[in-house]
Amino acid sequence: MNSEQAQNLALLALGWMAADDEVMGGFLGASGLDPADIRGLAHDPAFMVSVFDYILSADAYVLAFAAAQNIAPENVVAARNALPGGAPVHWT
């Protein structure tokens, strides 16, 4: 997956989150942002990494988003990793 494809999928992920009050409410609470902040950040790759990170925080979110987009769940991780600043973190 290239960066452009990842950015497009990230925008779809943001739209998916926005369509679900519970998911978006959790994201807003965890991030400390409000909806007005998100509009200005929607094309910032670092912000979009955080969108994927939130989706990846729960298997149910990954599976629901992947099903909604008709993609393999693995593509969520691939898209996150393809964004600038989204390289996998190695803790060891």
PDB file of N, CA and C in Angstrom:
ATOM      1  N   MET A   1       0.847  -1.175   0.000  1.00  0.00           N
ATOM      2  CA  MET A   1       0.000   0.000   0.000  1.00  0.00           C
ATOM      3  C   MET A   1       0.893   1.240   0.000  1.00  0.00           C
ATOM      4  N   ASN A   2       0.564   2.187  -0.856  1.00  0.00           N
ATOM      5  CA  ASN A   2       1.364   3.418  -0.892  1.00  0.00           C
ATOM      6  C   ASN A   2       0.719   4.496  -0.015  1.00  0.00           C
ATOM      7  N   SER A   3       1.425   5.594   0.131  1.00  0.00           N
ATOM      8  CA  SER A   3       0.985   6.668   1.020  1.00  0.00           C
ATOM      9  C   SER A   3      -0.349   7.267   0.572  1.00  0.00           C
ATOM     10  N   GLU A   4      -0.548   7.429  -0.709  1.00  0.00           N
ATOM     11  CA  GLU A   4      -1.801   8.003  -1.211  1.00  0.00           C
ATOM     12  C   GLU A   4      -2.982   7.077  -0.910  1.00  0.00           C
ATOM     13  N   GLN A   5      -2.800   5.786  -1.137  1.00  0.00           N
ATOM     14  CA  GLN A   5      -3.859   4.826  -0.815  1.00  0.00           C
ATOM     15  C   GLN A   5      -4.155   4.828   0.681  1.00  0.00           C
ATOM     16  N   ALA A   6      -3.097   4.916   1.481  1.00  0.00           N
ATOM     17  CA  ALA A   6      -3.255   4.942   2.933  1.00  0.00           C
ATOM     18  C   ALA A   6      -4.020   6.186   3.372  1.00  0.00           C
ATOM     19  N   GLN A   7      -3.709   7.334   2.774  1.00  0.00           N
ATOM     20  CA  GLN A   7      -4.408   8.573   3.114  1.00  0.00           C
ATOM     21  C   GLN A   7      -5.880   8.473   2.741  1.00  0.00           C
ATOM     22  N   ASN A   8      -6.175   7.898   1.588  1.00  0.00           N
ATOM     23  CA  ASN A   8      -7.568   7.726   1.176  1.00  0.00           C
ATOM     24  C   ASN A   8      -8.317   6.814   2.145  1.00  0.00           C
ATOM     25  N   LEU A   9      -7.675   5.714   2.549  1.00  0.00           N
ATOM     26  CA  LEU A   9      -8.306   4.806   3.497  1.00  0.00           C
ATOM     27  C   LEU A   9      -8.472   5.485   4.859  1.00  0.00           C
ATOM     28  N   ALA A  10      -7.534   6.325   5.222  1.00  0.00           N
ATOM     29  CA  ALA A  10      -7.634   7.053   6.491  1.00  0.00           C
ATOM     30  C   ALA A  10      -8.840   7.993   6.483  1.00  0.00           C
ATOM     31  N   LEU A  11      -9.095   8.649   5.375  1.00  0.00           N
ATOM     32  CA  LEU A  11     -10.269   9.518   5.286  1.00  0.00           C
ATOM     33  C   LEU A  11     -11.554   8.703   5.392  1.00  0.00           C
ATOM     34  N   LEU A  12     -11.557   7.522   4.799  1.00  0.00           N
ATOM     35  CA  LEU A  12     -12.710   6.629   4.946  1.00  0.00           C
ATOM     36  C   LEU A  12     -12.855   6.176   6.390  1.00  0.00           C
ATOM     37  N   ALA A  13     -11.732   5.930   7.052  1.00  0.00           N
ATOM     38  CA  ALA A  13     -11.756   5.522   8.460  1.00  0.00           C
ATOM     39  C   ALA A  13     -12.338   6.640   9.323  1.00  0.00           C
ATOM     40  N   LEU A  14     -11.939   7.846   9.055  1.00  0.00           N
ATOM     41  CA  LEU A  14     -12.462   8.985   9.805  1.00  0.00           C
ATOM     42  C   LEU A  14     -13.966   9.119   9.583  1.00  0.00           C
ATOM     43  N   GLY A  15     -14.403   8.955   8.365  1.00  0.00           N
ATOM     44  CA  GLY A  15     -15.838   8.994   8.061  1.00  0.00           C
ATOM     45  C   GLY A  15     -16.593   7.872   8.749  1.00  0.00           C
ATOM     46  N   TRP A  16     -15.991   6.680   8.781  1.00  0.00           N
ATOM     47  CA  TRP A  16     -16.609   5.550   9.465  1.00  0.00           C
ATOM     48  C   TRP A  16     -16.761   5.852  10.952  1.00  0.00           C
ATOM     49  N   MET A  17     -15.720   6.406  11.553  1.00  0.00           N
ATOM     50  CA  MET A  17     -15.783   6.757  12.973  1.00  0.00           C
ATOM     51  C   MET A  17     -16.857   7.815  13.212  1.00  0.00           C
ATOM     52  N   ALA A  18     -16.920   8.824  12.355  1.00  0.00           N
ATOM     53  CA  ALA A  18     -17.866   9.921  12.531  1.00  0.00           C
ATOM     54  C   ALA A  18     -19.316   9.440  12.435  1.00  0.00           C
ATOM     55  N   ALA A  19     -19.545   8.359  11.717  1.00  0.00           N
ATOM     56  CA  ALA A  19     -20.899   7.831  11.552  1.00  0.00           C
ATOM     57  C   ALA A  19     -21.380   7.050  12.768  1.00  0.00           C
ATOM     58  N   ASP A  20     -20.492   6.780  13.699  1.00  0.00           N
ATOM     59  CA  ASP A  20     -20.842   6.013  14.896  1.00  0.00           C
ATOM     60  C   ASP A  20     -20.554   6.874  16.127  1.00  0.00           C
ATOM     61  N   ASP A  21     -21.612   7.329  16.785  1.00  0.00           N
ATOM     62  CA  ASP A  21     -21.451   8.234  17.927  1.00  0.00           C
ATOM     63  C   ASP A  21     -20.591   7.637  19.030  1.00  0.00           C
ATOM     64  N   GLU A  22     -20.732   6.351  19.276  1.00  0.00           N
ATOM     65  CA  GLU A  22     -19.952   5.710  20.336  1.00  0.00           C
ATOM     66  C   GLU A  22     -18.460   5.683  19.992  1.00  0.00           C
ATOM     67  N   VAL A  23     -18.149   5.299  18.766  1.00  0.00           N
ATOM     68  CA  VAL A  23     -16.750   5.242  18.345  1.00  0.00           C
ATOM     69  C   VAL A  23     -16.143   6.646  18.319  1.00  0.00           C
ATOM     70  N   MET A  24     -16.849   7.579  17.719  1.00  0.00           N
ATOM     71  CA  MET A  24     -16.316   8.936  17.631  1.00  0.00           C
ATOM     72  C   MET A  24     -16.214   9.568  19.013  1.00  0.00           C
ATOM     73  N   GLY A  25     -17.186   9.329  19.860  1.00  0.00           N
ATOM     74  CA  GLY A  25     -17.130   9.860  21.216  1.00  0.00           C
ATOM     75  C   GLY A  25     -15.921   9.333  21.977  1.00  0.00           C
ATOM     76  N   GLY A  26     -15.626   8.046  21.791  1.00  0.00           N
ATOM     77  CA  GLY A  26     -14.447   7.468  22.428  1.00  0.00           C
ATOM     78  C   GLY A  26     -13.166   8.072  21.898  1.00  0.00           C
ATOM     79  N   PHE A  27     -13.113   8.273  20.592  1.00  0.00           N
ATOM     80  CA  PHE A  27     -11.928   8.882  19.982  1.00  0.00           C
ATOM     81  C   PHE A  27     -11.734  10.310  20.477  1.00  0.00           C
ATOM     82  N   LEU A  28     -12.810  11.073  20.498  1.00  0.00           N
ATOM     83  CA  LEU A  28     -12.708  12.457  20.967  1.00  0.00           C
ATOM     84  C   LEU A  28     -12.262  12.495  22.424  1.00  0.00           C
ATOM     85  N   GLY A  29     -12.809  11.610  23.232  1.00  0.00           N
ATOM     86  CA  GLY A  29     -12.423  11.559  24.631  1.00  0.00           C
ATOM     87  C   GLY A  29     -10.971  11.166  24.821  1.00  0.00           C
ATOM     88  N   ALA A  30     -10.524  10.184  24.055  1.00  0.00           N
ATOM     89  CA  ALA A  30      -9.139   9.715  24.180  1.00  0.00           C
ATOM     90  C   ALA A  30      -8.141  10.737  23.649  1.00  0.00           C
ATOM     91  N   SER A  31      -8.530  11.457  22.616  1.00  0.00           N
ATOM     92  CA  SER A  31      -7.601  12.389  21.983  1.00  0.00           C
ATOM     93  C   SER A  31      -7.649  13.790  22.591  1.00  0.00           C
ATOM     94  N   GLY A  32      -8.753  14.113  23.250  1.00  0.00           N
ATOM     95  CA  GLY A  32      -8.915  15.461  23.788  1.00  0.00           C
ATOM     96  C   GLY A  32      -9.313  16.481  22.735  1.00  0.00           C
ATOM     97  N   LEU A  33      -9.673  16.018  21.556  1.00  0.00           N
ATOM     98  CA  LEU A  33     -10.071  16.910  20.463  1.00  0.00           C
ATOM     99  C   LEU A  33     -11.573  17.135  20.481  1.00  0.00           C
ATOM    100  N   ASP A  34     -12.007  18.154  19.761  1.00  0.00           N
ATOM    101  CA  ASP A  34     -13.433  18.326  19.518  1.00  0.00           C
ATOM    102  C   ASP A  34     -13.648  18.293  18.006  1.00  0.00           C
ATOM    103  N   PRO A  35     -14.892  18.151  17.564  1.00  0.00           N
ATOM    104  CA  PRO A  35     -15.150  18.014  16.123  1.00  0.00           C
ATOM    105  C   PRO A  35     -14.546  19.128  15.273  1.00  0.00           C
ATOM    106  N   ALA A  36     -14.506  20.337  15.772  1.00  0.00           N
ATOM    107  CA  ALA A  36     -13.921  21.440  14.999  1.00  0.00           C
ATOM    108  C   ALA A  36     -12.429  21.214  14.762  1.00  0.00           C
ATOM    109  N   ASP A  37     -11.741  20.635  15.727  1.00  0.00           N
ATOM    110  CA  ASP A  37     -10.320  20.326  15.565  1.00  0.00           C
ATOM    111  C   ASP A  37     -10.108  19.328  14.438  1.00  0.00           C
ATOM    112  N   ILE A  38     -10.982  18.355  14.363  1.00  0.00           N
ATOM    113  CA  ILE A  38     -10.817  17.266  13.396  1.00  0.00           C
ATOM    114  C   ILE A  38     -10.897  17.776  11.969  1.00  0.00           C
ATOM    115  N   ARG A  39     -11.783  18.698  11.705  1.00  0.00           N
ATOM    116  CA  ARG A  39     -11.895  19.237  10.343  1.00  0.00           C
ATOM    117  C   ARG A  39     -10.569  19.800   9.860  1.00  0.00           C
ATOM    118  N   GLY A  40      -9.846  20.464  10.733  1.00  0.00           N
ATOM    119  CA  GLY A  40      -8.570  21.056  10.360  1.00  0.00           C
ATOM    120  C   GLY A  40      -7.429  20.062  10.270  1.00  0.00           C
ATOM    121  N   LEU A  41      -7.608  18.904  10.885  1.00  0.00           N
ATOM    122  CA  LEU A  41      -6.530  17.906  10.914  1.00  0.00           C
ATOM    123  C   LEU A  41      -6.721  16.763   9.926  1.00  0.00           C
ATOM    124  N   ALA A  42      -7.824  16.743   9.234  1.00  0.00           N
ATOM    125  CA  ALA A  42      -8.190  15.587   8.411  1.00  0.00           C
ATOM    126  C   ALA A  42      -7.172  15.225   7.333  1.00  0.00           C
ATOM    127  N   HIS A  43      -6.326  16.149   6.944  1.00  0.00           N
ATOM    128  CA  HIS A  43      -5.334  15.836   5.914  1.00  0.00           C
ATOM    129  C   HIS A  43      -3.915  15.808   6.471  1.00  0.00           C
ATOM    130  N   ASP A  44      -3.793  15.810   7.785  1.00  0.00           N
ATOM    131  CA  ASP A  44      -2.487  15.718   8.432  1.00  0.00           C
ATOM    132  C   ASP A  44      -2.153  14.244   8.644  1.00  0.00           C
ATOM    133  N   PRO A  45      -1.096  13.736   7.979  1.00  0.00           N
ATOM    134  CA  PRO A  45      -0.770  12.317   8.097  1.00  0.00           C
ATOM    135  C   PRO A  45      -0.550  11.857   9.540  1.00  0.00           C
ATOM    136  N   ALA A  46       0.050  12.677  10.373  1.00  0.00           N
ATOM    137  CA  ALA A  46       0.271  12.279  11.775  1.00  0.00           C
ATOM    138  C   ALA A  46      -1.061  12.098  12.498  1.00  0.00           C
ATOM    139  N   PHE A  47      -2.017  12.965  12.207  1.00  0.00           N
ATOM    140  CA  PHE A  47      -3.344  12.812  12.803  1.00  0.00           C
ATOM    141  C   PHE A  47      -4.001  11.536  12.303  1.00  0.00           C
ATOM    142  N   MET A  48      -3.858  11.277  11.023  1.00  0.00           N
ATOM    143  CA  MET A  48      -4.504  10.094  10.460  1.00  0.00           C
ATOM    144  C   MET A  48      -3.905   8.809  11.024  1.00  0.00           C
ATOM    145  N   VAL A  49      -2.627   8.841  11.399  1.00  0.00           N
ATOM    146  CA  VAL A  49      -2.043   7.690  12.100  1.00  0.00           C
ATOM    147  C   VAL A  49      -2.813   7.468  13.401  1.00  0.00           C
ATOM    148  N   SER A  50      -3.158   8.552  14.094  1.00  0.00           N
ATOM    149  CA  SER A  50      -3.895   8.407  15.351  1.00  0.00           C
ATOM    150  C   SER A  50      -5.299   7.848  15.123  1.00  0.00           C
ATOM    151  N   VAL A  51      -5.902   8.154  13.982  1.00  0.00           N
ATOM    152  CA  VAL A  51      -7.207   7.577  13.640  1.00  0.00           C
ATOM    153  C   VAL A  51      -7.063   6.062  13.518  1.00  0.00           C
ATOM    154  N   PHE A  52      -6.052   5.628  12.784  1.00  0.00           N
ATOM    155  CA  PHE A  52      -5.826   4.187  12.658  1.00  0.00           C
ATOM    156  C   PHE A  52      -5.473   3.561  14.000  1.00  0.00           C
ATOM    157  N   ASP A  53      -4.669   4.250  14.792  1.00  0.00           N
ATOM    158  CA  ASP A  53      -4.315   3.715  16.110  1.00  0.00           C
ATOM    159  C   ASP A  53      -5.560   3.483  16.954  1.00  0.00           C
ATOM    160  N   TYR A  54      -6.504   4.412  16.898  1.00  0.00           N
ATOM    161  CA  TYR A  54      -7.720   4.237  17.677  1.00  0.00           C
ATOM    162  C   TYR A  54      -8.521   3.043  17.161  1.00  0.00           C
ATOM    163  N   ILE A  55      -8.658   2.922  15.865  1.00  0.00           N
ATOM    164  CA  ILE A  55      -9.384   1.776  15.305  1.00  0.00           C
ATOM    165  C   ILE A  55      -8.669   0.479  15.682  1.00  0.00           C
ATOM    166  N   LEU A  56      -7.357   0.499  15.631  1.00  0.00           N
ATOM    167  CA  LEU A  56      -6.588  -0.705  15.948  1.00  0.00           C
ATOM    168  C   LEU A  56      -6.595  -1.046  17.441  1.00  0.00           C
ATOM    169  N   SER A  57      -7.117  -0.155  18.259  1.00  0.00           N
ATOM    170  CA  SER A  57      -7.148  -0.409  19.697  1.00  0.00           C
ATOM    171  C   SER A  57      -8.204  -1.441  20.092  1.00  0.00           C
ATOM    172  N   ALA A  58      -9.103  -1.768  19.189  1.00  0.00           N
ATOM    173  CA  ALA A  58     -10.151  -2.748  19.487  1.00  0.00           C
ATOM    174  C   ALA A  58     -10.398  -3.628  18.261  1.00  0.00           C
ATOM    175  N   ASP A  59     -10.299  -4.925  18.456  1.00  0.00           N
ATOM    176  CA  ASP A  59     -10.539  -5.850  17.350  1.00  0.00           C
ATOM    177  C   ASP A  59     -11.902  -5.610  16.707  1.00  0.00           C
ATOM    178  N   ALA A  60     -12.902  -5.306  17.520  1.00  0.00           N
ATOM    179  CA  ALA A  60     -14.242  -5.079  16.981  1.00  0.00           C
ATOM    180  C   ALA A  60     -14.260  -3.901  16.012  1.00  0.00           C
ATOM    181  N   TYR A  61     -13.494  -2.857  16.323  1.00  0.00           N
ATOM    182  CA  TYR A  61     -13.428  -1.697  15.424  1.00  0.00           C
ATOM    183  C   TYR A  61     -12.739  -2.074  14.118  1.00  0.00           C
ATOM    184  N   VAL A  62     -11.646  -2.791  14.221  1.00  0.00           N
ATOM    185  CA  VAL A  62     -10.918  -3.207  13.012  1.00  0.00           C
ATOM    186  C   VAL A  62     -11.829  -4.028  12.117  1.00  0.00           C
ATOM    187  N   LEU A  63     -12.481  -5.007  12.704  1.00  0.00           N
ATOM    188  CA  LEU A  63     -13.338  -5.896  11.907  1.00  0.00           C
ATOM    189  C   LEU A  63     -14.530  -5.147  11.316  1.00  0.00           C
ATOM    190  N   ALA A  64     -15.135  -4.252  12.086  1.00  0.00           N
ATOM    191  CA  ALA A  64     -16.283  -3.502  11.577  1.00  0.00           C
ATOM    192  C   ALA A  64     -15.869  -2.546  10.460  1.00  0.00           C
ATOM    193  N   PHE A  65     -14.752  -1.850  10.651  1.00  0.00           N
ATOM    194  CA  PHE A  65     -14.290  -0.933   9.606  1.00  0.00           C
ATOM    195  C   PHE A  65     -13.906  -1.706   8.348  1.00  0.00           C
ATOM    196  N   ALA A  66     -13.177  -2.788   8.512  1.00  0.00           N
ATOM    197  CA  ALA A  66     -12.771  -3.593   7.353  1.00  0.00           C
ATOM    198  C   ALA A  66     -14.000  -4.117   6.607  1.00  0.00           C
ATOM    199  N   ALA A  67     -14.992  -4.583   7.338  1.00  0.00           N
ATOM    200  CA  ALA A  67     -16.209  -5.081   6.695  1.00  0.00           C
ATOM    201  C   ALA A  67     -16.934  -3.957   5.965  1.00  0.00           C
ATOM    202  N   ALA A  68     -16.986  -2.777   6.573  1.00  0.00           N
ATOM    203  CA  ALA A  68     -17.663  -1.645   5.940  1.00  0.00           C
ATOM    204  C   ALA A  68     -16.990  -1.229   4.642  1.00  0.00           C
ATOM    205  N   GLN A  69     -15.663  -1.407   4.585  1.00  0.00           N
ATOM    206  CA  GLN A  69     -14.913  -1.016   3.388  1.00  0.00           C
ATOM    207  C   GLN A  69     -14.649  -2.184   2.451  1.00  0.00           C
ATOM    208  N   ASN A  70     -15.085  -3.371   2.869  1.00  0.00           N
ATOM    209  CA  ASN A  70     -14.866  -4.590   2.084  1.00  0.00           C
ATOM    210  C   ASN A  70     -13.377  -4.812   1.813  1.00  0.00           C
ATOM    211  N   ILE A  71     -12.580  -4.693   2.885  1.00  0.00           N
ATOM    212  CA  ILE A  71     -11.138  -4.906   2.803  1.00  0.00           C
ATOM    213  C   ILE A  71     -10.727  -5.933   3.849  1.00  0.00           C
ATOM    214  N   ALA A  72      -9.551  -6.479   3.686  1.00  0.00           N
ATOM    215  CA  ALA A  72      -9.007  -7.388   4.699  1.00  0.00           C
ATOM    216  C   ALA A  72      -8.599  -6.565   5.917  1.00  0.00           C
ATOM    217  N   PRO A  73      -8.834  -7.071   7.123  1.00  0.00           N
ATOM    218  CA  PRO A  73      -8.438  -6.341   8.326  1.00  0.00           C
ATOM    219  C   PRO A  73      -6.956  -5.958   8.337  1.00  0.00           C
ATOM    220  N   GLU A  74      -6.123  -6.762   7.718  1.00  0.00           N
ATOM    221  CA  GLU A  74      -4.687  -6.483   7.667  1.00  0.00           C
ATOM    222  C   GLU A  74      -4.380  -5.175   6.941  1.00  0.00           C
ATOM    223  N   ASN A  75      -5.296  -4.756   6.079  1.00  0.00           N
ATOM    224  CA  ASN A  75      -5.081  -3.516   5.336  1.00  0.00           C
ATOM    225  C   ASN A  75      -5.109  -2.292   6.242  1.00  0.00           C
ATOM    226  N   VAL A  76      -5.756  -2.398   7.390  1.00  0.00           N
ATOM    227  CA  VAL A  76      -5.786  -1.273   8.323  1.00  0.00           C
ATOM    228  C   VAL A  76      -4.372  -1.031   8.854  1.00  0.00           C
ATOM    229  N   VAL A  77      -3.697  -2.101   9.237  1.00  0.00           N
ATOM    230  CA  VAL A  77      -2.313  -1.987   9.715  1.00  0.00           C
ATOM    231  C   VAL A  77      -1.403  -1.520   8.581  1.00  0.00           C
ATOM    232  N   ALA A  78      -1.591  -2.077   7.401  1.00  0.00           N
ATOM    233  CA  ALA A  78      -0.757  -1.693   6.264  1.00  0.00           C
ATOM    234  C   ALA A  78      -0.913  -0.208   5.944  1.00  0.00           C
ATOM    235  N   ALA A  79      -2.134   0.294   6.023  1.00  0.00           N
ATOM    236  CA  ALA A  79      -2.370   1.711   5.746  1.00  0.00           C
ATOM    237  C   ALA A  79      -1.717   2.574   6.813  1.00  0.00           C
ATOM    238  N   ARG A  80      -1.852   2.188   8.068  1.00  0.00           N
ATOM    239  CA  ARG A  80      -1.220   2.942   9.156  1.00  0.00           C
ATOM    240  C   ARG A  80       0.276   3.032   8.940  1.00  0.00           C
ATOM    241  N   ASN A  81       0.884   1.915   8.598  1.00  0.00           N
ATOM    242  CA  ASN A  81       2.332   1.855   8.413  1.00  0.00           C
ATOM    243  C   ASN A  81       2.795   2.616   7.178  1.00  0.00           C
ATOM    244  N   ALA A  82       1.910   2.812   6.201  1.00  0.00           N
ATOM    245  CA  ALA A  82       2.284   3.502   4.961  1.00  0.00           C
ATOM    246  C   ALA A  82       2.227   5.023   5.084  1.00  0.00           C
ATOM    247  N   LEU A  83       1.579   5.518   6.128  1.00  0.00           N
ATOM    248  CA  LEU A  83       1.503   6.970   6.315  1.00  0.00           C
ATOM    249  C   LEU A  83       2.814   7.505   6.879  1.00  0.00           C
ATOM    250  N   PRO A  84       3.182   8.724   6.529  1.00  0.00           N
ATOM    251  CA  PRO A  84       4.375   9.325   7.132  1.00  0.00           C
ATOM    252  C   PRO A  84       4.219   9.354   8.651  1.00  0.00           C
ATOM    253  N   GLY A  85       5.223   8.864   9.338  1.00  0.00           N
ATOM    254  CA  GLY A  85       5.178   8.797  10.799  1.00  0.00           C
ATOM    255  C   GLY A  85       4.471   7.576  11.319  1.00  0.00           C
ATOM    256  N   GLY A  86       4.025   6.718  10.449  1.00  0.00           N
ATOM    257  CA  GLY A  86       3.256   5.545  10.865  1.00  0.00           C
ATOM    258  C   GLY A  86       4.049   4.256  10.904  1.00  0.00           C
ATOM    259  N   ALA A  87       5.360   4.350  10.802  1.00  0.00           N
ATOM    260  CA  ALA A  87       6.194   3.136  10.838  1.00  0.00           C
ATOM    261  C   ALA A  87       5.937   2.378  12.130  1.00  0.00           C
ATOM    262  N   PRO A  88       5.975   1.061  12.039  1.00  0.00           N
ATOM    263  CA  PRO A  88       5.739   0.264  13.252  1.00  0.00           C
ATOM    264  C   PRO A  88       6.774   0.574  14.324  1.00  0.00           C
ATOM    265  N   VAL A  89       6.323   0.557  15.567  1.00  0.00           N
ATOM    266  CA  VAL A  89       7.206   0.800  16.700  1.00  0.00           C
ATOM    267  C   VAL A  89       7.720  -0.549  17.189  1.00  0.00           C
ATOM    268  N   HIS A  90       9.023  -0.637  17.361  1.00  0.00           N
ATOM    269  CA  HIS A  90       9.642  -1.860  17.893  1.00  0.00           C
ATOM    270  C   HIS A  90      10.099  -1.560  19.312  1.00  0.00           C
ATOM    271  N   TRP A  91       9.475  -2.198  20.272  1.00  0.00           N
ATOM    272  CA  TRP A  91       9.732  -1.907  21.672  1.00  0.00           C
ATOM    273  C   TRP A  91      10.877  -2.721  22.242  1.00  0.00           C
ATOM    274  N   THR A  92      11.422  -3.635  21.481  1.00  0.00           N
ATOM    275  CA  THR A  92      12.521  -4.448  22.015  1.00  0.00           C
ATOM    276  C   THR A  92      13.847  -4.037  21.442  1.00  0.00           C
TER     277      THR A  92
END
